[in-house]
Amino acid sequence: DWAGSAGLWRHIMGLEIRGATSLGGTYDRPLIRHRPGARIRVAYFV
């Protein structure tokens, strides 16, 4: 949310996360589980 607009994450498509052992949470707030200090790579389209 910003400047009176909500749900800005809806314009984020194709979210990919690498370096995780598992994922939790929600699409707009993914919880990345990984080795301590692991290298994480994220890619998405706007």
All heavy atoms as atom14 arrays in JSON, in Angstrom:
{
  "sequence": "DWAGSAGLWRHIMGLEIRGATSLGGTYDRPLIRHRPGARIRVAYFV",
  "atom14_mask": [
    [1, 1, 1, 1, 1, 1, 1, 1, 0, 0, 0, 0, 0, 0],
    [1, 1, 1, 1, 1, 1, 1, 1, 1, 1, 1, 1, 1, 1],
    [1, 1, 1, 1, 1, 0, 0, 0, 0, 0, 0, 0, 0, 0],
    [1, 1, 1, 1, 0, 0, 0, 0, 0, 0, 0, 0, 0, 0],
    [1, 1, 1, 1, 1, 1, 0, 0, 0, 0, 0, 0, 0, 0],
    [1, 1, 1, 1, 1, 0, 0, 0, 0, 0, 0, 0, 0, 0],
    [1, 1, 1, 1, 0, 0, 0, 0, 0, 0, 0, 0, 0, 0],
    [1, 1, 1, 1, 1, 1, 1, 1, 0, 0, 0, 0, 0, 0],
    [1, 1, 1, 1, 1, 1, 1, 1, 1, 1, 1, 1, 1, 1],
    [1, 1, 1, 1, 1, 1, 1, 1, 1, 1, 1, 0, 0, 0],
    [1, 1, 1, 1, 1, 1, 1, 1, 1, 1, 0, 0, 0, 0],
    [1, 1, 1, 1, 1, 1, 1, 1, 0, 0, 0, 0, 0, 0],
    [1, 1, 1, 1, 1, 1, 1, 1, 0, 0, 0, 0, 0, 0],
    [1, 1, 1, 1, 0, 0, 0, 0, 0, 0, 0, 0, 0, 0],
    [1, 1, 1, 1, 1, 1, 1, 1, 0, 0, 0, 0, 0, 0],
    [1, 1, 1, 1, 1, 1, 1, 1, 1, 0, 0, 0, 0, 0],
    [1, 1, 1, 1, 1, 1, 1, 1, 0, 0, 0, 0, 0, 0],
    [1, 1, 1, 1, 1, 1, 1, 1, 1, 1, 1, 0, 0, 0],
    [1, 1, 1, 1, 0, 0, 0, 0, 0, 0, 0, 0, 0, 0],
    [1, 1, 1, 1, 1, 0, 0, 0, 0, 0, 0, 0, 0, 0],
    [1, 1, 1, 1, 1, 1, 1, 0, 0, 0, 0, 0, 0, 0],
    [1, 1, 1, 1, 1, 1, 0, 0, 0, 0, 0, 0, 0, 0],
    [1, 1, 1, 1, 1, 1, 1, 1, 0, 0, 0, 0, 0, 0],
    [1, 1, 1, 1, 0, 0, 0, 0, 0, 0, 0, 0, 0, 0],
    [1, 1, 1, 1, 0, 0, 0, 0, 0, 0, 0, 0, 0, 0],
    [1, 1, 1, 1, 1, 1, 1, 0, 0, 0, 0, 0, 0, 0],
    [1, 1, 1, 1, 1, 1, 1, 1, 1, 1, 1, 1, 0, 0],
    [1, 1, 1, 1, 1, 1, 1, 1, 0, 0, 0, 0, 0, 0],
    [1, 1, 1, 1, 1, 1, 1, 1, 1, 1, 1, 0, 0, 0],
    [1, 1, 1, 1, 1, 1, 1, 0, 0, 0, 0, 0, 0, 0],
    [1, 1, 1, 1, 1, 1, 1, 1, 0, 0, 0, 0, 0, 0],
    [1, 1, 1, 1, 1, 1, 1, 1, 0, 0, 0, 0, 0, 0],
    [1, 1, 1, 1, 1, 1, 1, 1, 1, 1, 1, 0, 0, 0],
    [1, 1, 1, 1, 1, 1, 1, 1, 1, 1, 0, 0, 0, 0],
    [1, 1, 1, 1, 1, 1, 1, 1, 1, 1, 1, 0, 0, 0],
    [1, 1, 1, 1, 1, 1, 1, 0, 0, 0, 0, 0, 0, 0],
    [1, 1, 1, 1, 0, 0, 0, 0, 0, 0, 0, 0, 0, 0],
    [1, 1, 1, 1, 1, 0, 0, 0, 0, 0, 0, 0, 0, 0],
    [1, 1, 1, 1, 1, 1, 1, 1, 1, 1, 1, 0, 0, 0],
    [1, 1, 1, 1, 1, 1, 1, 1, 0, 0, 0, 0, 0, 0],
    [1, 1, 1, 1, 1, 1, 1, 1, 1, 1, 1, 0, 0, 0],
    [1, 1, 1, 1, 1, 1, 1, 0, 0, 0, 0, 0, 0, 0],
    [1, 1, 1, 1, 1, 0, 0, 0, 0, 0, 0, 0, 0, 0],
    [1, 1, 1, 1, 1, 1, 1, 1, 1, 1, 1, 1, 0, 0],
    [1, 1, 1, 1, 1, 1, 1, 1, 1, 1, 1, 0, 0, 0],
    [1, 1, 1, 1, 1, 1, 1, 0, 0, 0, 0, 0, 0, 0]
  ],
  "atom14_positions": [
    [[0.85, -1.19, 0.0], [0.0, 0.0, 0.0], [0.88, 1.24, 0.0], [1.88, 1.31, 0.72], [-0.89, 0.04, 1.26], [-1.8, -1.16, 1.37], [-1.9, -1.91, 0.38], [-2.4, -1.35, 2.44], [0.0, 0.0, 0.0], [0.0, 0.0, 0.0], [0.0, 0.0, 0.0], [0.0, 0.0, 0.0], [0.0, 0.0, 0.0], [0.0, 0.0, 0.0]],
    [[0.48, 2.23, -0.79], [1.2, 3.5, -0.8], [0.34, 4.56, -1.5], [-0.35, 4.26, -2.47], [2.55, 3.37, -1.52], [3.32, 4.65, -1.59], [3.82, 5.37, -0.54], [3.67, 5.39, -2.77], [4.46, 6.5, -0.99], [4.38, 6.54, -2.36], [3.45, 5.18, -4.14], [4.88, 7.48, -3.26], [3.95, 6.12, -5.03], [4.65, 7.24, -4.6]],
    [[0.36, 5.77, -0.96], [-0.3, 6.92, -1.56], [-1.78, 6.66, -1.86], [-2.3, 7.07, -2.89], [0.43, 7.36, -2.83], [0.0, 0.0, 0.0], [0.0, 0.0, 0.0], [0.0, 0.0, 0.0], [0.0, 0.0, 0.0], [0.0, 0.0, 0.0], [0.0, 0.0, 0.0], [0.0, 0.0, 0.0], [0.0, 0.0, 0.0], [0.0, 0.0, 0.0]],
    [[-2.45, 5.96, -0.95], [-3.87, 5.71, -1.1], [-4.22, 4.53, -2.0], [-5.4, 4.24, -2.2], [0.0, 0.0, 0.0], [0.0, 0.0, 0.0], [0.0, 0.0, 0.0], [0.0, 0.0, 0.0], [0.0, 0.0, 0.0], [0.0, 0.0, 0.0], [0.0, 0.0, 0.0], [0.0, 0.0, 0.0], [0.0, 0.0, 0.0], [0.0, 0.0, 0.0]],
    [[-3.22, 3.86, -2.54], [-3.44, 2.7, -3.41], [-3.1, 1.42, -2.64], [-2.05, 1.35, -2.0], [-2.58, 2.78, -4.67], [-2.91, 3.93, -5.43], [0.0, 0.0, 0.0], [0.0, 0.0, 0.0], [0.0, 0.0, 0.0], [0.0, 0.0, 0.0], [0.0, 0.0, 0.0], [0.0, 0.0, 0.0], [0.0, 0.0, 0.0], [0.0, 0.0, 0.0]],
    [[-3.96, 0.44, -2.73], [-3.76, -0.82, -2.01], [-3.55, -1.97, -3.01], [-3.9, -1.87, -4.19], [-4.97, -1.1, -1.12], [0.0, 0.0, 0.0], [0.0, 0.0, 0.0], [0.0, 0.0, 0.0], [0.0, 0.0, 0.0], [0.0, 0.0, 0.0], [0.0, 0.0, 0.0], [0.0, 0.0, 0.0], [0.0, 0.0, 0.0], [0.0, 0.0, 0.0]],
    [[-2.98, -3.07, -2.5], [-2.82, -4.27, -3.32], [-1.89, -4.1, -4.49], [-2.13, -4.65, -5.58], [0.0, 0.0, 0.0], [0.0, 0.0, 0.0], [0.0, 0.0, 0.0], [0.0, 0.0, 0.0], [0.0, 0.0, 0.0], [0.0, 0.0, 0.0], [0.0, 0.0, 0.0], [0.0, 0.0, 0.0], [0.0, 0.0, 0.0], [0.0, 0.0, 0.0]],
    [[-0.79, -3.34, -4.31], [0.14, -3.1, -5.42], [0.8, -4.4, -5.9], [1.26, -4.48, -7.04], [1.21, -2.09, -5.0], [0.69, -0.72, -4.55], [1.84, 0.18, -4.12], [-0.12, -0.05, -5.65], [0.0, 0.0, 0.0], [0.0, 0.0, 0.0], [0.0, 0.0, 0.0], [0.0, 0.0, 0.0], [0.0, 0.0, 0.0], [0.0, 0.0, 0.0]],
    [[0.83, -5.4, -5.04], [1.44, -6.68, -5.41], [0.67, -7.37, -6.53], [1.2, -8.28, -7.2], [1.51, -7.6, -4.19], [0.17, -7.85, -3.54], [-0.4, -7.13, -2.55], [-0.77, -8.88, -3.86], [-1.63, -7.63, -2.21], [-1.88, -8.71, -3.01], [-0.77, -9.94, -4.78], [-2.98, -9.55, -3.05], [-1.87, -10.78, -4.82], [-2.96, -10.58, -3.96]],
    [[-0.55, -6.96, -6.79], [-1.35, -7.59, -7.85], [-0.76, -7.35, -9.24], [-1.14, -8.02, -10.2], [-2.79, -7.09, -7.8], [-3.5, -7.46, -6.5], [-4.94, -6.96, -6.48], [-5.55, -7.17, -5.19], [-6.08, -8.32, -4.77], [-6.06, -9.37, -5.59], [-6.63, -8.44, -3.58], [0.0, 0.0, 0.0], [0.0, 0.0, 0.0], [0.0, 0.0, 0.0]],
    [[0.14, -6.38, -9.37], [0.78, -6.11, -10.66], [2.09, -6.89, -10.81], [2.78, -6.74, -11.81], [1.03, -4.61, -10.81], [-0.17, -3.77, -10.47], [-1.38, -3.94, -11.1], [-0.35, -2.79, -9.55], [-2.26, -3.09, -10.57], [-1.66, -2.39, -9.64], [0.0, 0.0, 0.0], [0.0, 0.0, 0.0], [0.0, 0.0, 0.0], [0.0, 0.0, 0.0]],
    [[2.42, -7.71, -9.79], [3.62, -8.54, -9.83], [3.23, -9.94, -10.32], [2.4, -10.61, -9.72], [4.25, -8.64, -8.42], [4.54, -7.25, -7.84], [5.5, -9.51, -8.45], [5.56, -6.46, -8.6], [0.0, 0.0, 0.0], [0.0, 0.0, 0.0], [0.0, 0.0, 0.0], [0.0, 0.0, 0.0], [0.0, 0.0, 0.0], [0.0, 0.0, 0.0]],
    [[3.86, -10.38, -11.4], [3.51, -11.66, -12.01], [4.75, -12.56, -12.11], [5.87, -12.08, -12.17], [2.94, -11.44, -13.42], [1.7, -10.56, -13.45], [0.31, -11.37, -12.61], [-0.89, -10.03, -12.59], [0.0, 0.0, 0.0], [0.0, 0.0, 0.0], [0.0, 0.0, 0.0], [0.0, 0.0, 0.0], [0.0, 0.0, 0.0], [0.0, 0.0, 0.0]],
    [[4.49, -13.87, -12.14], [5.55, -14.83, -12.39], [6.65, -14.85, -11.35], [7.83, -15.02, -11.7], [0.0, 0.0, 0.0], [0.0, 0.0, 0.0], [0.0, 0.0, 0.0], [0.0, 0.0, 0.0], [0.0, 0.0, 0.0], [0.0, 0.0, 0.0], [0.0, 0.0, 0.0], [0.0, 0.0, 0.0], [0.0, 0.0, 0.0], [0.0, 0.0, 0.0]],
    [[6.31, -14.69, -10.09], [7.31, -14.65, -9.02], [8.05, -15.99, -8.92], [7.43, -17.05, -8.79], [6.62, -14.32, -7.69], [7.51, -14.28, -6.44], [8.52, -13.14, -6.54], [6.65, -14.12, -5.18], [0.0, 0.0, 0.0], [0.0, 0.0, 0.0], [0.0, 0.0, 0.0], [0.0, 0.0, 0.0], [0.0, 0.0, 0.0], [0.0, 0.0, 0.0]],
    [[9.39, -15.94, -8.98], [10.23, -17.11, -8.82], [11.25, -16.85, -7.72], [11.85, -15.77, -7.67], [10.97, -17.45, -10.12], [10.07, -17.92, -11.24], [10.85, -18.32, -12.48], [12.11, -18.16, -12.45], [10.25, -18.78, -13.45], [0.0, 0.0, 0.0], [0.0, 0.0, 0.0], [0.0, 0.0, 0.0], [0.0, 0.0, 0.0], [0.0, 0.0, 0.0]],
    [[11.47, -17.83, -6.87], [12.42, -17.71, -5.77], [13.33, -18.92, -5.79], [12.87, -20.07, -5.76], [11.69, -17.6, -4.41], [10.79, -16.37, -4.38], [12.7, -17.56, -3.27], [9.9, -16.27, -3.15], [0.0, 0.0, 0.0], [0.0, 0.0, 0.0], [0.0, 0.0, 0.0], [0.0, 0.0, 0.0], [0.0, 0.0, 0.0], [0.0, 0.0, 0.0]],
    [[14.64, -18.69, -5.84], [15.62, -19.76, -5.83], [16.51, -19.65, -4.59], [16.77, -18.54, -4.11], [16.49, -19.7, -7.09], [15.69, -19.94, -8.37], [16.59, -19.95, -9.59], [15.84, -20.17, -10.8], [16.38, -20.24, -12.02], [17.69, -20.11, -12.16], [15.62, -20.43, -13.08], [0.0, 0.0, 0.0], [0.0, 0.0, 0.0], [0.0, 0.0, 0.0]],
    [[16.95, -20.78, -4.1], [17.78, -20.81, -2.91], [17.01, -21.2, -1.66], [17.59, -21.25, -0.57], [0.0, 0.0, 0.0], [0.0, 0.0, 0.0], [0.0, 0.0, 0.0], [0.0, 0.0, 0.0], [0.0, 0.0, 0.0], [0.0, 0.0, 0.0], [0.0, 0.0, 0.0], [0.0, 0.0, 0.0], [0.0, 0.0, 0.0], [0.0, 0.0, 0.0]],
    [[15.72, -21.45, -1.83], [14.89, -21.83, -0.68], [14.84, -23.34, -0.53], [14.89, -24.09, -1.51], [13.48, -21.29, -0.88], [0.0, 0.0, 0.0], [0.0, 0.0, 0.0], [0.0, 0.0, 0.0], [0.0, 0.0, 0.0], [0.0, 0.0, 0.0], [0.0, 0.0, 0.0], [0.0, 0.0, 0.0], [0.0, 0.0, 0.0], [0.0, 0.0, 0.0]],
    [[14.73, -23.79, 0.69], [14.47, -25.22, 0.95], [12.98, -25.48, 0.93], [12.53, -26.58, 0.61], [15.07, -25.64, 2.3], [14.52, -24.8, 3.34], [16.59, -25.5, 2.28], [0.0, 0.0, 0.0], [0.0, 0.0, 0.0], [0.0, 0.0, 0.0], [0.0, 0.0, 0.0], [0.0, 0.0, 0.0], [0.0, 0.0, 0.0], [0.0, 0.0, 0.0]],
    [[12.2, -24.45, 1.3], [10.73, -24.52, 1.2], [10.18, -23.11, 1.29], [10.87, -22.17, 1.69], [10.14, -25.39, 2.32], [10.36, -24.8, 3.58], [0.0, 0.0, 0.0], [0.0, 0.0, 0.0], [0.0, 0.0, 0.0], [0.0, 0.0, 0.0], [0.0, 0.0, 0.0], [0.0, 0.0, 0.0], [0.0, 0.0, 0.0], [0.0, 0.0, 0.0]],
    [[8.92, -22.97, 0.89], [8.26, -21.66, 0.9], [6.98, -21.73, 1.71], [6.28, -22.74, 1.7], [7.94, -21.2, -0.53], [9.12, -20.92, -1.45], [8.63, -20.61, -2.87], [9.95, -19.75, -0.93], [0.0, 0.0, 0.0], [0.0, 0.0, 0.0], [0.0, 0.0, 0.0], [0.0, 0.0, 0.0], [0.0, 0.0, 0.0], [0.0, 0.0, 0.0]],
    [[6.67, -20.62, 2.39], [5.4, -20.51, 3.12], [4.85, -19.11, 2.95], [5.21, -18.38, 2.02], [0.0, 0.0, 0.0], [0.0, 0.0, 0.0], [0.0, 0.0, 0.0], [0.0, 0.0, 0.0], [0.0, 0.0, 0.0], [0.0, 0.0, 0.0], [0.0, 0.0, 0.0], [0.0, 0.0, 0.0], [0.0, 0.0, 0.0], [0.0, 0.0, 0.0]],
    [[3.99, -18.7, 3.84], [3.41, -17.37, 3.77], [2.39, -17.24, 2.67], [1.73, -18.21, 2.27], [0.0, 0.0, 0.0], [0.0, 0.0, 0.0], [0.0, 0.0, 0.0], [0.0, 0.0, 0.0], [0.0, 0.0, 0.0], [0.0, 0.0, 0.0], [0.0, 0.0, 0.0], [0.0, 0.0, 0.0], [0.0, 0.0, 0.0], [0.0, 0.0, 0.0]],
    [[2.27, -16.04, 2.11], [1.3, -15.75, 1.05], [2.04, -15.22, -0.16], [3.24, -14.93, -0.11], [0.28, -14.71, 1.54], [0.98, -13.51, 1.93], [-0.5, -15.24, 2.74], [0.0, 0.0, 0.0], [0.0, 0.0, 0.0], [0.0, 0.0, 0.0], [0.0, 0.0, 0.0], [0.0, 0.0, 0.0], [0.0, 0.0, 0.0], [0.0, 0.0, 0.0]],
    [[1.31, -15.06, -1.26], [1.96, -14.6, -2.5], [2.6, -13.23, -2.31], [3.7, -12.97, -2.8], [0.94, -14.54, -3.64], [1.57, -14.16, -4.98], [2.2, -15.13, -5.75], [1.53, -12.85, -5.44], [2.79, -14.79, -6.97], [2.12, -12.5, -6.65], [2.75, -13.47, -7.41], [3.34, -13.13, -8.61], [0.0, 0.0, 0.0], [0.0, 0.0, 0.0]],
    [[1.9, -12.33, -1.6], [2.42, -10.97, -1.43], [3.46, -10.88, -0.32], [4.19, -9.89, -0.24], [1.28, -9.98, -1.17], [0.49, -10.32, 0.08], [0.23, -11.5, 0.3], [0.13, -9.39, 0.84], [0.0, 0.0, 0.0], [0.0, 0.0, 0.0], [0.0, 0.0, 0.0], [0.0, 0.0, 0.0], [0.0, 0.0, 0.0], [0.0, 0.0, 0.0]],
    [[3.54, -11.91, 0.55], [4.53, -11.94, 1.64], [5.07, -13.37, 1.78], [4.81, -14.04, 2.79], [3.91, -11.45, 2.95], [3.57, -9.97, 2.94], [2.69, -9.61, 4.13], [3.32, -9.87, 5.4], [4.1, -9.01, 6.04], [4.37, -7.83, 5.5], [4.63, -9.31, 7.22], [0.0, 0.0, 0.0], [0.0, 0.0, 0.0], [0.0, 0.0, 0.0]],
    [[5.81, -13.84, 0.78], [6.3, -15.22, 0.86], [7.37, -15.37, 1.94], [8.28, -14.54, 2.07], [6.88, -15.48, -0.53], [7.18, -14.13, -1.08], [6.16, -13.21, -0.5], [0.0, 0.0, 0.0], [0.0, 0.0, 0.0], [0.0, 0.0, 0.0], [0.0, 0.0, 0.0], [0.0, 0.0, 0.0], [0.0, 0.0, 0.0], [0.0, 0.0, 0.0]],
    [[7.24, -16.43, 2.72], [8.23, -16.76, 3.74], [9.21, -17.77, 3.14], [8.83, -18.87, 2.76], [7.55, -17.36, 4.97], [8.49, -17.75, 6.12], [9.22, -16.53, 6.68], [7.72, -18.47, 7.22], [0.0, 0.0, 0.0], [0.0, 0.0, 0.0], [0.0, 0.0, 0.0], [0.0, 0.0, 0.0], [0.0, 0.0, 0.0], [0.0, 0.0, 0.0]],
    [[10.47, -17.34, 3.0], [11.5, -18.17, 2.37], [12.27, -18.9, 3.46], [12.89, -18.28, 4.33], [12.47, -17.3, 1.54], [11.69, -16.41, 0.56], [13.47, -18.17, 0.79], [12.55, -15.35, -0.12], [0.0, 0.0, 0.0], [0.0, 0.0, 0.0], [0.0, 0.0, 0.0], [0.0, 0.0, 0.0], [0.0, 0.0, 0.0], [0.0, 0.0, 0.0]],
    [[12.22, -20.23, 3.43], [13.02, -21.04, 4.37], [14.26, -21.51, 3.63], [14.19, -21.97, 2.49], [12.2, -22.21, 4.9], [10.93, -21.78, 5.63], [10.19, -22.97, 6.23], [8.94, -22.55, 6.85], [7.76, -22.59, 6.24], [7.68, -23.04, 4.99], [6.68, -22.2, 6.87], [0.0, 0.0, 0.0], [0.0, 0.0, 0.0], [0.0, 0.0, 0.0]],
    [[15.41, -21.44, 4.31], [16.68, -21.66, 3.62], [17.76, -21.99, 4.65], [17.54, -21.87, 5.87], [17.07, -20.41, 2.83], [17.01, -19.16, 3.66], [17.97, -18.81, 4.58], [16.06, -18.16, 3.74], [17.65, -17.67, 5.16], [16.48, -17.25, 4.68], [0.0, 0.0, 0.0], [0.0, 0.0, 0.0], [0.0, 0.0, 0.0], [0.0, 0.0, 0.0]],
    [[18.92, -22.36, 4.16], [20.07, -22.5, 5.06], [20.43, -21.12, 5.6], [20.26, -20.1, 4.91], [21.28, -23.08, 4.31], [21.06, -24.47, 3.75], [22.38, -25.05, 3.21], [23.16, -24.05, 2.49], [22.99, -23.75, 1.2], [22.02, -24.36, 0.5], [23.74, -22.86, 0.62], [0.0, 0.0, 0.0], [0.0, 0.0, 0.0], [0.0, 0.0, 0.0]],
    [[20.92, -21.01, 6.82], [21.3, -19.7, 7.38], [22.25, -18.96, 6.44], [23.27, -19.49, 6.01], [21.99, -20.06, 8.7], [21.35, -21.35, 9.11], [21.11, -22.1, 7.83], [0.0, 0.0, 0.0], [0.0, 0.0, 0.0], [0.0, 0.0, 0.0], [0.0, 0.0, 0.0], [0.0, 0.0, 0.0], [0.0, 0.0, 0.0], [0.0, 0.0, 0.0]],
    [[21.87, -17.73, 6.08], [22.71, -16.9, 5.23], [22.79, -17.34, 3.79], [23.7, -16.92, 3.05], [0.0, 0.0, 0.0], [0.0, 0.0, 0.0], [0.0, 0.0, 0.0], [0.0, 0.0, 0.0], [0.0, 0.0, 0.0], [0.0, 0.0, 0.0], [0.0, 0.0, 0.0], [0.0, 0.0, 0.0], [0.0, 0.0, 0.0], [0.0, 0.0, 0.0]],
    [[21.86, -18.18, 3.33], [21.92, -18.71, 1.97], [21.76, -17.61, 0.93], [21.16, -16.56, 1.17], [20.82, -19.76, 1.79], [0.0, 0.0, 0.0], [0.0, 0.0, 0.0], [0.0, 0.0, 0.0], [0.0, 0.0, 0.0], [0.0, 0.0, 0.0], [0.0, 0.0, 0.0], [0.0, 0.0, 0.0], [0.0, 0.0, 0.0], [0.0, 0.0, 0.0]],
    [[22.29, -17.87, -0.26], [22.11, -16.95, -1.38], [20.7, -17.12, -1.94], [20.33, -18.24, -2.33], [23.14, -17.22, -2.48], [24.58, -17.03, -2.04], [25.52, -17.39, -3.18], [26.9, -17.35, -2.76], [27.68, -16.25, -2.79], [27.17, -15.11, -3.22], [28.93, -16.32, -2.39], [0.0, 0.0, 0.0], [0.0, 0.0, 0.0], [0.0, 0.0, 0.0]],
    [[19.95, -16.05, -1.98], [18.57, -16.08, -2.47], [18.49, -15.28, -3.77], [19.04, -14.17, -3.86], [17.59, -15.49, -1.44], [17.74, -16.2, -0.08], [16.16, -15.58, -1.95], [17.41, -17.66, -0.11], [0.0, 0.0, 0.0], [0.0, 0.0, 0.0], [0.0, 0.0, 0.0], [0.0, 0.0, 0.0], [0.0, 0.0, 0.0], [0.0, 0.0, 0.0]],
    [[17.82, -15.84, -4.75], [17.58, -15.14, -6.01], [16.08, -15.05, -6.24], [15.36, -16.05, -6.09], [18.25, -15.87, -7.18], [19.78, -15.87, -7.09], [20.4, -16.67, -8.21], [21.85, -16.7, -8.12], [22.66, -15.83, -8.73], [22.15, -14.89, -9.52], [23.97, -15.93, -8.59], [0.0, 0.0, 0.0], [0.0, 0.0, 0.0], [0.0, 0.0, 0.0]],
    [[15.63, -13.86, -6.6], [14.2, -13.61, -6.84], [14.06, -12.97, -8.21], [14.87, -12.12, -8.6], [13.61, -12.67, -5.76], [12.16, -12.32, -6.07], [13.73, -13.31, -4.38], [0.0, 0.0, 0.0], [0.0, 0.0, 0.0], [0.0, 0.0, 0.0], [0.0, 0.0, 0.0], [0.0, 0.0, 0.0], [0.0, 0.0, 0.0], [0.0, 0.0, 0.0]],
    [[13.04, -13.38, -8.94], [12.74, -12.75, -10.23], [11.22, -12.63, -10.37], [10.48, -13.51, -9.93], [13.32, -13.55, -11.39], [0.0, 0.0, 0.0], [0.0, 0.0, 0.0], [0.0, 0.0, 0.0], [0.0, 0.0, 0.0], [0.0, 0.0, 0.0], [0.0, 0.0, 0.0], [0.0, 0.0, 0.0], [0.0, 0.0, 0.0], [0.0, 0.0, 0.0]],
    [[10.78, -11.54, -10.95], [9.35, -11.36, -11.21], [9.16, -10.32, -12.32], [10.1, -9.61, -12.7], [8.61, -10.95, -9.94], [9.1, -9.69, -9.27], [8.66, -8.43, -9.66], [10.0, -9.77, -8.2], [9.11, -7.27, -9.03], [10.45, -8.62, -7.56], [10.01, -7.38, -7.98], [10.45, -6.24, -7.35], [0.0, 0.0, 0.0], [0.0, 0.0, 0.0]],
    [[7.94, -10.27, -12.83], [7.58, -9.31, -13.87], [6.58, -8.3, -13.31], [5.72, -8.66, -12.49], [6.97, -10.03, -15.08], [7.92, -10.96, -15.77], [7.96, -12.31, -15.45], [8.8, -10.48, -16.73], [8.84, -13.17, -16.07], [9.7, -11.34, -17.36], [9.72, -12.69, -17.03], [0.0, 0.0, 0.0], [0.0, 0.0, 0.0], [0.0, 0.0, 0.0]],
    [[6.71, -7.06, -13.75], [5.79, -6.0, -13.34], [4.99, -5.58, -14.57], [5.56, -5.2, -15.6], [6.55, -4.79, -12.77], [5.55, -3.71, -12.33], [7.43, -5.21, -11.6], [0.0, 0.0, 0.0], [0.0, 0.0, 0.0], [0.0, 0.0, 0.0], [0.0, 0.0, 0.0], [0.0, 0.0, 0.0], [0.0, 0.0, 0.0], [0.0, 0.0, 0.0]]
  ]
}
